[in-house]
C-alpha atoms as a PDB file:
ATOM      1  CA  MET A   1     -46.765 -55.979 135.879  1.00  0.00           C
ATOM      2  CA  ALA A   2     -47.006 -55.130 139.608  1.00  0.00           C
ATOM      3  CA  ARG A   3     -50.172 -53.397 140.603  1.00  0.00           C
ATOM      4  CA  ASN A   4     -50.073 -49.570 140.972  1.00  0.00           C
ATOM      5  CA  LYS A   5     -50.081 -48.941 144.539  1.00  0.00           C
ATOM      6  CA  TYR A   6     -51.031 -45.272 144.221  1.00  0.00           C
ATOM      7  CA  PRO A   7     -54.097 -45.287 141.523  1.00  0.00           C
ATOM      8  CA  GLU A   8     -55.138 -41.625 142.537  1.00  0.00           C
ATOM      9  CA  ILE A   9     -51.642 -40.210 141.847  1.00  0.00           C
ATOM     10  CA  THR A  10     -51.761 -41.940 138.344  1.00  0.00           C
ATOM     11  CA  ARG A  11     -55.244 -40.474 137.807  1.00  0.00           C
ATOM     12  CA  ARG A  12     -54.294 -37.007 138.678  1.00  0.00           C
ATOM     13  CA  ARG A  13     -51.056 -37.155 136.512  1.00  0.00           C
ATOM     14  CA  ILE A  14     -53.206 -38.069 133.488  1.00  0.00           C
ATOM     15  CA  MET A  15     -55.414 -35.084 134.048  1.00  0.00           C
ATOM     16  CA  GLU A  16     -52.589 -32.725 134.611  1.00  0.00           C
ATOM     17  CA  SER A  17     -51.117 -33.902 131.386  1.00  0.00           C
ATOM     18  CA  ALA A  18     -54.373 -33.599 129.426  1.00  0.00           C
ATOM     19  CA  VAL A  19     -55.087 -30.282 130.523  1.00  0.00           C
ATOM     20  CA  ARG A  20     -51.528 -29.075 129.851  1.00  0.00           C
ATOM     21  CA  LEU A  21     -51.408 -30.635 126.037  1.00  0.00           C
ATOM     22  CA  PHE A  22     -55.248 -29.231 125.555  1.00  0.00           C
ATOM     23  CA  THR A  23     -53.906 -25.823 126.490  1.00  0.00           C
ATOM     24  CA  LEU A  24     -50.837 -25.820 124.281  1.00  0.00           C
ATOM     25  CA  ASN A  25     -52.204 -27.631 121.431  1.00  0.00           C
ATOM     26  CA  GLY A  26     -55.804 -27.325 121.119  1.00  0.00           C
ATOM     27  CA  TYR A  27     -58.400 -30.308 122.269  1.00  0.00           C
ATOM     28  CA  ASN A  28     -58.659 -31.459 118.756  1.00  0.00           C
ATOM     29  CA  ASN A  29     -55.042 -31.735 118.294  1.00  0.00           C
ATOM     30  CA  VAL A  30     -54.492 -34.192 121.226  1.00  0.00           C
ATOM     31  CA  SER A  31     -54.829 -37.922 121.316  1.00  0.00           C
ATOM     32  CA  ILE A  32     -54.837 -40.526 124.130  1.00  0.00           C
ATOM     33  CA  GLN A  33     -51.338 -41.657 122.940  1.00  0.00           C
ATOM     34  CA  ASP A  34     -50.157 -38.121 123.423  1.00  0.00           C
ATOM     35  CA  ILE A  35     -51.349 -37.969 127.026  1.00  0.00           C
ATOM     36  CA  VAL A  36     -49.661 -41.278 127.594  1.00  0.00           C
ATOM     37  CA  ASN A  37     -46.430 -40.215 126.122  1.00  0.00           C
ATOM     38  CA  ASP A  38     -46.651 -37.247 128.173  1.00  0.00           C
ATOM     39  CA  VAL A  39     -47.160 -38.599 131.290  1.00  0.00           C
ATOM     40  CA  GLY A  40     -44.114 -40.766 130.639  1.00  0.00           C
ATOM     41  CA  ASP A  41     -44.382 -44.144 132.849  1.00  0.00           C
ATOM     42  CA  ILE A  42     -47.793 -45.293 132.143  1.00  0.00           C
ATOM     43  CA  THR A  43     -49.464 -47.607 129.301  1.00  0.00           C
ATOM     44  CA  ARG A  44     -52.467 -46.987 127.312  1.00  0.00           C
ATOM     45  CA  GLY A  45     -54.015 -49.949 129.496  1.00  0.00           C
ATOM     46  CA  ALA A  46     -53.268 -47.646 132.395  1.00  0.00           C
ATOM     47  CA  PHE A  47     -55.176 -44.612 130.933  1.00  0.00           C
ATOM     48  CA  TYR A  48     -58.131 -46.581 130.022  1.00  0.00           C
ATOM     49  CA  HIS A  49     -58.204 -48.157 133.564  1.00  0.00           C
ATOM     50  CA  HIS A  50     -59.002 -44.495 134.650  1.00  0.00           C
ATOM     51  CA  PHE A  51     -60.671 -43.042 131.615  1.00  0.00           C
ATOM     52  CA  LYS A  52     -62.442 -44.345 128.568  1.00  0.00           C
ATOM     53  CA  THR A  53     -62.321 -41.234 126.321  1.00  0.00           C
ATOM     54  CA  LEU A  54     -60.639 -37.953 126.379  1.00  0.00           C
ATOM     55  CA  ALA A  55     -64.222 -36.288 126.980  1.00  0.00           C
ATOM     56  CA  ASP A  56     -63.993 -38.435 130.325  1.00  0.00           C
ATOM     57  CA  VAL A  57     -60.805 -36.819 131.159  1.00  0.00           C
ATOM     58  CA  ILE A  58     -62.374 -33.450 130.735  1.00  0.00           C
ATOM     59  CA  GLN A  59     -65.629 -34.275 132.691  1.00  0.00           C
ATOM     60  CA  ALA A  60     -63.503 -35.592 135.523  1.00  0.00           C
ATOM     61  CA  VAL A  61     -61.290 -31.887 135.540  1.00  0.00           C
ATOM     62  CA  THR A  62     -64.608 -30.078 135.649  1.00  0.00           C
ATOM     63  CA  LYS A  63     -66.011 -32.115 138.316  1.00  0.00           C
ATOM     64  CA  GLU A  64     -62.852 -32.568 140.608  1.00  0.00           C
ATOM     65  CA  THR A  65     -60.710 -29.502 140.100  1.00  0.00           C
ATOM     66  CA  MET A  66     -62.846 -26.470 138.732  1.00  0.00           C
ATOM     67  CA  ALA A  67     -66.492 -27.206 139.440  1.00  0.00           C
ATOM     68  CA  GLU A  68     -66.785 -23.977 141.583  1.00  0.00           C
ATOM     69  CA  LYS A  69     -65.318 -21.697 138.854  1.00  0.00           C
ATOM     70  CA  ASN A  70     -66.881 -23.696 136.002  1.00  0.00           C
ATOM     71  CA  VAL A  71     -63.468 -23.010 133.946  1.00  0.00           C
ATOM     72  CA  PHE A  72     -64.334 -26.015 131.871  1.00  0.00           C
ATOM     73  CA  HIS A  73     -67.732 -26.777 130.441  1.00  0.00           C
ATOM     74  CA  GLU A  74     -68.199 -29.662 128.468  1.00  0.00           C
ATOM     75  CA  ALA A  75     -65.726 -31.335 126.169  1.00  0.00           C
ATOM     76  CA  THR A  76     -67.674 -29.795 123.121  1.00  0.00           C
ATOM     77  CA  ASP A  77     -67.094 -26.179 124.536  1.00  0.00           C
ATOM     78  CA  LEU A  78     -63.391 -27.088 124.750  1.00  0.00           C
ATOM     79  CA  ALA A  79     -62.988 -28.052 121.236  1.00  0.00           C
ATOM     80  CA  SER A  80     -64.037 -24.945 120.048  1.00  0.00           C
ATOM     81  CA  LEU A  81     -61.725 -22.578 122.353  1.00  0.00           C
ATOM     82  CA  ASN A  82     -59.507 -19.998 120.606  1.00  0.00           C
ATOM     83  CA  ALA A  83     -56.142 -19.809 121.747  1.00  0.00           C
ATOM     84  CA  LEU A  84     -56.749 -17.040 124.299  1.00  0.00           C
ATOM     85  CA  ASP A  85     -59.218 -18.792 126.203  1.00  0.00           C
ATOM     86  CA  ARG A  86     -56.959 -21.841 126.348  1.00  0.00           C
ATOM     87  CA  LEU A  87     -54.368 -19.927 127.898  1.00  0.00           C
ATOM     88  CA  ARG A  88     -57.058 -18.833 130.638  1.00  0.00           C
ATOM     89  CA  GLN A  89     -57.906 -22.358 131.162  1.00  0.00           C
ATOM     90  CA  GLY A  90     -54.547 -23.651 131.618  1.00  0.00           C
ATOM     91  CA  ILE A  91     -53.423 -20.635 134.197  1.00  0.00           C
ATOM     92  CA  SER A  92     -56.579 -21.705 136.125  1.00  0.00           C
ATOM     93  CA  PHE A  93     -55.939 -25.066 135.997  1.00  0.00           C
ATOM     94  CA  SER A  94     -52.548 -24.827 137.254  1.00  0.00           C
ATOM     95  CA  ILE A  95     -53.444 -22.194 140.003  1.00  0.00           C
ATOM     96  CA  LEU A  96     -56.385 -24.490 141.081  1.00  0.00           C
ATOM     97  CA  GLN A  97     -54.453 -27.679 141.378  1.00  0.00           C
ATOM     98  CA  SER A  98     -51.999 -25.932 143.176  1.00  0.00           C
ATOM     99  CA  ILE A  99     -54.289 -24.914 145.938  1.00  0.00           C
ATOM    100  CA  LYS A 100     -56.014 -28.202 145.997  1.00  0.00           C
ATOM    101  CA  GLU A 101     -52.578 -30.009 146.751  1.00  0.00           C
ATOM    102  CA  GLY A 102     -51.569 -27.592 149.275  1.00  0.00           C
ATOM    103  CA  ASP A 103     -48.033 -26.964 147.419  1.00  0.00           C
ATOM    104  CA  LEU A 104     -47.964 -23.321 148.009  1.00  0.00           C
ATOM    105  CA  SER A 105     -45.406 -22.750 150.732  1.00  0.00           C
ATOM    106  CA  ASN A 106     -42.255 -24.349 149.777  1.00  0.00           C
ATOM    107  CA  VAL A 107     -40.845 -21.870 147.337  1.00  0.00           C
ATOM    108  CA  SER A 108     -40.628 -19.017 149.377  1.00  0.00           C
ATOM    109  CA  SER A 109     -37.964 -20.282 151.522  1.00  0.00           C
ATOM    110  CA  LYS A 110     -35.710 -21.399 148.752  1.00  0.00           C
ATOM    111  CA  MET A 111     -35.966 -17.563 146.896  1.00  0.00           C
ATOM    112  CA  HIS A 112     -32.980 -16.647 149.138  1.00  0.00           C
ATOM    113  CA  SER A 113     -30.796 -19.014 147.193  1.00  0.00           C
ATOM    114  CA  ALA A 114     -29.687 -16.831 144.204  1.00  0.00           C
ATOM    115  CA  GLU A 115     -28.825 -20.345 142.452  1.00  0.00           C
ATOM    116  CA  PHE A 116     -32.490 -21.279 142.855  1.00  0.00           C
ATOM    117  CA  VAL A 117     -33.794 -18.039 141.550  1.00  0.00           C
ATOM    118  CA  PHE A 118     -31.183 -18.294 138.532  1.00  0.00           C
ATOM    119  CA  SER A 119     -32.516 -21.819 137.688  1.00  0.00           C
ATOM    120  CA  ARG A 120     -36.007 -21.120 138.229  1.00  0.00           C
ATOM    121  CA  ILE A 121     -35.828 -18.200 135.806  1.00  0.00           C
ATOM    122  CA  THR A 122     -33.825 -20.230 133.357  1.00  0.00           C
ATOM    123  CA  GLU A 123     -35.780 -23.380 133.229  1.00  0.00           C
ATOM    124  CA  GLY A 124     -38.890 -21.686 132.984  1.00  0.00           C
ATOM    125  CA  ALA A 125     -37.665 -19.752 129.771  1.00  0.00           C
ATOM    126  CA  ARG A 126     -36.385 -23.155 128.592  1.00  0.00           C
ATOM    127  CA  VAL A 127     -39.232 -25.199 129.438  1.00  0.00           C
ATOM    128  CA  VAL A 128     -42.253 -23.484 129.889  1.00  0.00           C
ATOM    129  CA  ALA A 129     -42.205 -20.395 127.588  1.00  0.00           C
ATOM    130  CA  PRO A 130     -41.706 -22.643 124.097  1.00  0.00           C
ATOM    131  CA  GLY A 131     -45.256 -23.832 125.064  1.00  0.00           C
ATOM    132  CA  ILE A 132     -46.547 -20.324 125.900  1.00  0.00           C
ATOM    133  CA  LYS A 133     -45.208 -19.087 122.589  1.00  0.00           C
ATOM    134  CA  ARG A 134     -47.049 -21.537 120.653  1.00  0.00           C
ATOM    135  CA  ILE A 135     -50.383 -20.595 122.288  1.00  0.00           C
ATOM    136  CA  ILE A 136     -49.483 -17.134 121.370  1.00  0.00           C
ATOM    137  CA  GLU A 137     -48.843 -18.043 117.826  1.00  0.00           C
ATOM    138  CA  ASP A 138     -52.208 -19.817 117.479  1.00  0.00           C
ATOM    139  CA  GLY A 139     -53.780 -16.776 118.938  1.00  0.00           C
ATOM    140  CA  ASN A 140     -51.988 -14.690 116.206  1.00  0.00           C
ATOM    141  CA  ARG A 141     -53.256 -17.119 113.685  1.00  0.00           C
ATOM    142  CA  ASP A 142     -57.007 -17.236 115.235  1.00  0.00           C
ATOM    143  CA  GLY A 143     -57.337 -13.636 115.790  1.00  0.00           C
ATOM    144  CA  SER A 144     -57.726 -13.952 119.539  1.00  0.00           C
ATOM    145  CA  MET A 145     -54.381 -12.152 120.279  1.00  0.00           C
ATOM    146  CA  GLN A 146     -52.102  -9.673 118.325  1.00  0.00           C
ATOM    147  CA  VAL A 147     -48.812 -10.163 119.695  1.00  0.00           C
ATOM    148  CA  ALA A 148     -45.681  -8.560 117.839  1.00  0.00           C
ATOM    149  CA  TYR A 149     -43.199 -10.558 119.615  1.00  0.00           C
ATOM    150  CA  PRO A 150     -44.351 -14.032 120.661  1.00  0.00           C
ATOM    151  CA  LYS A 151     -41.039 -15.371 122.083  1.00  0.00           C
ATOM    152  CA  GLN A 152     -40.138 -12.299 124.199  1.00  0.00           C
ATOM    153  CA  ALA A 153     -44.016 -12.104 125.402  1.00  0.00           C
ATOM    154  CA  ALA A 154     -43.842 -15.685 126.325  1.00  0.00           C
ATOM    155  CA  GLU A 155     -40.850 -15.320 128.240  1.00  0.00           C
ATOM    156  CA  THR A 156     -41.983 -12.324 130.217  1.00  0.00           C
ATOM    157  CA  PHE A 157     -45.281 -14.027 130.864  1.00  0.00           C
ATOM    158  CA  THR A 158     -43.493 -17.065 132.366  1.00  0.00           C
ATOM    159  CA  MET A 159     -41.202 -15.094 134.586  1.00  0.00           C
ATOM    160  CA  LEU A 160     -43.926 -12.708 135.843  1.00  0.00           C
ATOM    161  CA  PHE A 161     -46.653 -15.504 136.556  1.00  0.00           C
ATOM    162  CA  ASP A 162     -43.969 -17.720 138.179  1.00  0.00           C
ATOM    163  CA  ILE A 163     -42.252 -15.603 140.313  1.00  0.00           C
ATOM    164  CA  TRP A 164     -43.574 -11.808 140.546  1.00  0.00           C
ATOM    165  CA  MET A 165     -47.161 -13.014 140.702  1.00  0.00           C
ATOM    166  CA  ASN A 166     -46.572 -15.545 143.442  1.00  0.00           C
ATOM    167  CA  PRO A 167     -47.949 -14.510 146.615  1.00  0.00           C
ATOM    168  CA  GLY A 168     -46.093 -17.042 148.375  1.00  0.00           C
ATOM    169  CA  ILE A 169     -42.837 -15.354 147.240  1.00  0.00           C
ATOM    170  CA  PHE A 170     -43.538 -11.602 147.148  1.00  0.00           C
ATOM    171  CA  LYS A 171     -45.647 -10.829 150.443  1.00  0.00           C
ATOM    172  CA  VAL A 172     -48.174  -8.014 149.675  1.00  0.00           C
ATOM    173  CA  SER A 173     -51.614  -7.020 151.216  1.00  0.00           C
ATOM    174  CA  ARG A 174     -54.698  -7.782 149.564  1.00  0.00           C
ATOM    175  CA  GLU A 175     -55.234  -4.508 148.375  1.00  0.00           C
ATOM    176  CA  GLU A 176     -51.813  -4.666 146.503  1.00  0.00           C
ATOM    177  CA  PHE A 177     -52.400  -8.002 145.137  1.00  0.00           C
ATOM    178  CA  LEU A 178     -55.441  -6.671 143.514  1.00  0.00           C
ATOM    179  CA  GLN A 179     -53.333  -3.852 141.979  1.00  0.00           C
ATOM    180  CA  LYS A 180     -50.749  -6.550 140.930  1.00  0.00           C
ATOM    181  CA  ILE A 181     -53.512  -8.379 138.945  1.00  0.00           C
ATOM    182  CA  GLU A 182     -54.833  -5.138 137.488  1.00  0.00           C
ATOM    183  CA  HIS A 183     -51.270  -4.077 136.151  1.00  0.00           C
ATOM    184  CA  ILE A 184     -50.765  -7.404 134.774  1.00  0.00           C
ATOM    185  CA  ARG A 185     -53.911  -6.994 132.872  1.00  0.00           C
ATOM    186  CA  LEU A 186     -52.885  -3.689 131.399  1.00  0.00           C
ATOM    187  CA  LEU A 187     -49.354  -4.913 130.798  1.00  0.00           C
ATOM    188  CA  PHE A 188     -50.572  -7.842 128.628  1.00  0.00           C
ATOM    189  CA  GLU A 189     -53.446  -5.977 126.806  1.00  0.00           C
ATOM    190  CA  GLY A 190     -50.720  -3.614 125.836  1.00  0.00           C
ATOM    191  CA  VAL A 191     -48.820  -6.478 123.903  1.00  0.00           C
ATOM    192  CA  GLY A 192     -51.923  -7.800 122.451  1.00  0.00           C
ATOM    193  CA  MET A 193     -52.671 -10.857 125.321  1.00  0.00           C
ATOM    194  CA  ALA A 194     -55.782  -9.562 126.720  1.00  0.00           C
ATOM    195  CA  PHE A 195     -56.158 -12.896 129.038  1.00  0.00           C
ATOM    196  CA  VAL A 196     -57.062 -11.284 132.428  1.00  0.00           C
ATOM    197  CA  ASN A 197     -60.912 -11.399 132.767  1.00  0.00           C
ATOM    198  CA  GLU A 198     -63.195 -11.532 135.889  1.00  0.00           C
ATOM    199  CA  ASP A 199     -63.122 -15.258 136.133  1.00  0.00           C
ATOM    200  CA  LEU A 200     -59.067 -15.388 136.126  1.00  0.00           C
ATOM    201  CA  LYS A 201     -59.087 -12.388 138.607  1.00  0.00           C
ATOM    202  CA  GLY A 202     -61.105 -14.629 140.887  1.00  0.00           C
ATOM    203  CA  VAL A 203     -58.795 -17.743 140.605  1.00  0.00           C
ATOM    204  CA  PHE A 204     -55.874 -15.129 141.587  1.00  0.00           C
ATOM    205  CA  MET A 205     -57.874 -14.311 144.659  1.00  0.00           C
ATOM    206  CA  GLN A 206     -58.282 -17.829 145.702  1.00  0.00           C
ATOM    207  CA  LEU A 207     -54.540 -18.109 145.407  1.00  0.00           C
ATOM    208  CA  PHE A 208     -53.949 -15.001 147.660  1.00  0.00           C
ATOM    209  CA  ASP A 209     -56.070 -16.541 150.257  1.00  0.00           C
ATOM    210  CA  ALA A 210     -54.672 -19.830 150.077  1.00  0.00           C
ATOM    211  CA  VAL A 211     -51.585 -18.497 150.849  1.00  0.00           C
ATOM    212  CA  GLU A 212     -52.287 -16.360 153.409  1.00  0.00           C
ATOM    213  CA  LYS A 213     -54.213 -19.150 155.640  1.00  0.00           C
END
């Protein structure tokens, strides 16, 4: 097999996959093979080239991606997170990765296309929302959420965060963006998903500041 010319890309993809699976399924329900399968085009050997254990992945995420916000602590902490906290970590990871990689400005120009908007909304409902629904159902079981309609809440969540809360799409002042965060907090508290806390507000403001640069 040819040597991978871009080992750092593979390493980042493993980290992204791990956090996505931990968020959706919980740390105790994810194996190394699950991550290999999710990445799709790597072997277990490629995983072990970068990480020896799942705990090593979490330590790398903490050090390289979320050290400033301290969103993840240690793997033992992650294993005990309830579904609501897993959702917070997943949101934080996604936003901070976008900031780190600088892929914040390529969406707004496409939003003038009705076809693109329709595709983004429908794909979000088809691909992303089912995973959010599983987290909500886990939250209903562990008591961290009390959501009457998980499917509808997941679809609403996906559309609002993918489009309405994206400061690269909806250009607003800093004050109005803070108001949007507060509105989201009240809205989802009303349906039993009280996931917006001070740490997550800070991550959202990092996103706003990165887009405004």
